[in-house]
Amino acid sequence: MEQEHNYHLGFNSGFLLAKYKRALVTKLTQSIRCTSAYLQGLSDGKAEYDKSMQQEKLKELESLRTWDRGGYGPLD
């Protein structure tokens, strides 16, 4: 149960660090080996943020493509 709690703390920390302190979390996740639930959560949180940002960019690109084809634009 405590490992799960530590994982969630690490995940949330990793997600927020990826959002606000990108360079720091990148250095941390590259230099550490996942030896604890917290560190695994940190790494997974960063990865989840990266995934969500990629999805947002894809949505934006699709919106621009639709607009370019004469559809409704990104500001509609």
C-alpha atoms as a PDB file:
ATOM      1  CA  MET A   1       0.000   0.000   0.000  1.00  0.00           C
ATOM      2  CA  GLU A   2       2.832   2.399   0.812  1.00  0.00           C
ATOM      3  CA  GLN A   3       4.548   1.602  -2.487  1.00  0.00           C
ATOM      4  CA  GLU A   4       1.365   2.516  -4.334  1.00  0.00           C
ATOM      5  CA  HIS A   5       1.164   5.788  -2.410  1.00  0.00           C
ATOM      6  CA  ASN A   6       4.817   6.566  -3.185  1.00  0.00           C
ATOM      7  CA  TYR A   7       4.245   5.723  -6.845  1.00  0.00           C
ATOM      8  CA  HIS A   8       1.326   8.174  -7.022  1.00  0.00           C
ATOM      9  CA  LEU A   9       3.393  10.886  -5.336  1.00  0.00           C
ATOM     10  CA  GLY A  10       6.207  10.315  -7.816  1.00  0.00           C
ATOM     11  CA  PHE A  11       3.813  10.251 -10.765  1.00  0.00           C
ATOM     12  CA  ASN A  12       2.245  13.571  -9.784  1.00  0.00           C
ATOM     13  CA  SER A  13       5.674  15.095  -9.172  1.00  0.00           C
ATOM     14  CA  GLY A  14       6.940  13.861 -12.529  1.00  0.00           C
ATOM     15  CA  PHE A  15       3.893  15.221 -14.354  1.00  0.00           C
ATOM     16  CA  LEU A  16       4.180  18.656 -12.737  1.00  0.00           C
ATOM     17  CA  LEU A  17       7.936  18.838 -13.161  1.00  0.00           C
ATOM     18  CA  ALA A  18       7.566  17.961 -16.842  1.00  0.00           C
ATOM     19  CA  LYS A  19       5.066  20.784 -17.181  1.00  0.00           C
ATOM     20  CA  TYR A  20       6.945  23.486 -15.277  1.00  0.00           C
ATOM     21  CA  LYS A  21      10.598  22.378 -14.959  1.00  0.00           C
ATOM     22  CA  ARG A  22      11.202  20.336 -18.086  1.00  0.00           C
ATOM     23  CA  ALA A  23      15.005  20.433 -18.049  1.00  0.00           C
ATOM     24  CA  LEU A  24      15.174  19.351 -14.410  1.00  0.00           C
ATOM     25  CA  VAL A  25      12.899  16.334 -14.755  1.00  0.00           C
ATOM     26  CA  THR A  26      14.656  15.298 -17.958  1.00  0.00           C
ATOM     27  CA  LYS A  27      18.020  15.290 -16.184  1.00  0.00           C
ATOM     28  CA  LEU A  28      16.565  13.431 -13.221  1.00  0.00           C
ATOM     29  CA  THR A  29      14.912  10.715 -15.256  1.00  0.00           C
ATOM     30  CA  GLN A  30      17.965  10.226 -17.454  1.00  0.00           C
ATOM     31  CA  SER A  31      20.389   9.945 -14.553  1.00  0.00           C
ATOM     32  CA  ILE A  32      18.437   7.703 -12.165  1.00  0.00           C
ATOM     33  CA  ARG A  33      17.636   4.042 -12.245  1.00  0.00           C
ATOM     34  CA  CYS A  34      14.139   3.181 -11.121  1.00  0.00           C
ATOM     35  CA  THR A  35      14.873   1.511  -7.805  1.00  0.00           C
ATOM     36  CA  SER A  36      11.817   2.673  -5.930  1.00  0.00           C
ATOM     37  CA  ALA A  37       8.119   3.164  -6.509  1.00  0.00           C
ATOM     38  CA  TYR A  38       8.537   6.939  -6.227  1.00  0.00           C
ATOM     39  CA  LEU A  39      11.222   7.065  -8.930  1.00  0.00           C
ATOM     40  CA  GLN A  40       9.207   4.796 -11.209  1.00  0.00           C
ATOM     41  CA  GLY A  41       6.213   7.083 -10.707  1.00  0.00           C
ATOM     42  CA  LEU A  42       8.369  10.133 -11.455  1.00  0.00           C
ATOM     43  CA  SER A  43       9.469   8.611 -14.738  1.00  0.00           C
ATOM     44  CA  ASP A  44       5.946   7.503 -15.642  1.00  0.00           C
ATOM     45  CA  GLY A  45       4.495  10.918 -14.765  1.00  0.00           C
ATOM     46  CA  LYS A  46       6.947  12.610 -17.114  1.00  0.00           C
ATOM     47  CA  ALA A  47       6.079  10.117 -19.849  1.00  0.00           C
ATOM     48  CA  GLU A  48       2.347  10.726 -19.342  1.00  0.00           C
ATOM     49  CA  TYR A  49       2.825  14.489 -19.645  1.00  0.00           C
ATOM     50  CA  ASP A  50       4.847  13.982 -22.833  1.00  0.00           C
ATOM     51  CA  LYS A  51       2.077  11.784 -24.230  1.00  0.00           C
ATOM     52  CA  SER A  52      -0.633  14.327 -23.384  1.00  0.00           C
ATOM     53  CA  MET A  53       1.354  17.117 -25.065  1.00  0.00           C
ATOM     54  CA  GLN A  54       1.766  15.029 -28.205  1.00  0.00           C
ATOM     55  CA  GLN A  55      -1.986  14.398 -28.283  1.00  0.00           C
ATOM     56  CA  GLU A  56      -2.669  18.136 -27.940  1.00  0.00           C
ATOM     57  CA  LYS A  57      -0.313  18.891 -30.832  1.00  0.00           C
ATOM     58  CA  LEU A  58      -2.008  16.272 -32.989  1.00  0.00           C
ATOM     59  CA  LYS A  59      -5.420  17.784 -32.240  1.00  0.00           C
ATOM     60  CA  GLU A  60      -4.112  21.217 -33.161  1.00  0.00           C
ATOM     61  CA  LEU A  61      -2.649  19.923 -36.424  1.00  0.00           C
ATOM     62  CA  GLU A  62      -5.915  18.203 -37.321  1.00  0.00           C
ATOM     63  CA  SER A  63      -7.774  21.414 -36.597  1.00  0.00           C
ATOM     64  CA  LEU A  64      -5.422  23.324 -38.904  1.00  0.00           C
ATOM     65  CA  ARG A  65      -5.820  20.695 -41.633  1.00  0.00           C
ATOM     66  CA  THR A  66      -9.598  20.951 -41.430  1.00  0.00           C
ATOM     67  CA  TRP A  67      -9.384  24.725 -41.613  1.00  0.00           C
ATOM     68  CA  ASP A  68      -7.017  24.536 -44.590  1.00  0.00           C
ATOM     69  CA  ARG A  69      -9.537  22.379 -46.489  1.00  0.00           C
ATOM     70  CA  GLY A  70     -12.188  25.046 -46.183  1.00  0.00           C
ATOM     71  CA  GLY A  71     -13.722  23.771 -43.004  1.00  0.00           C
ATOM     72  CA  TYR A  72     -14.144  25.591 -39.768  1.00  0.00           C
ATOM     73  CA  GLY A  73     -10.958  27.166 -38.493  1.00  0.00           C
ATOM     74  CA  PRO A  74      -9.180  26.779 -35.184  1.00  0.00           C
ATOM     75  CA  LEU A  75     -10.798  29.973 -33.896  1.00  0.00           C
ATOM     76  CA  ASP A  76     -14.381  28.958 -34.652  1.00  0.00           C
END
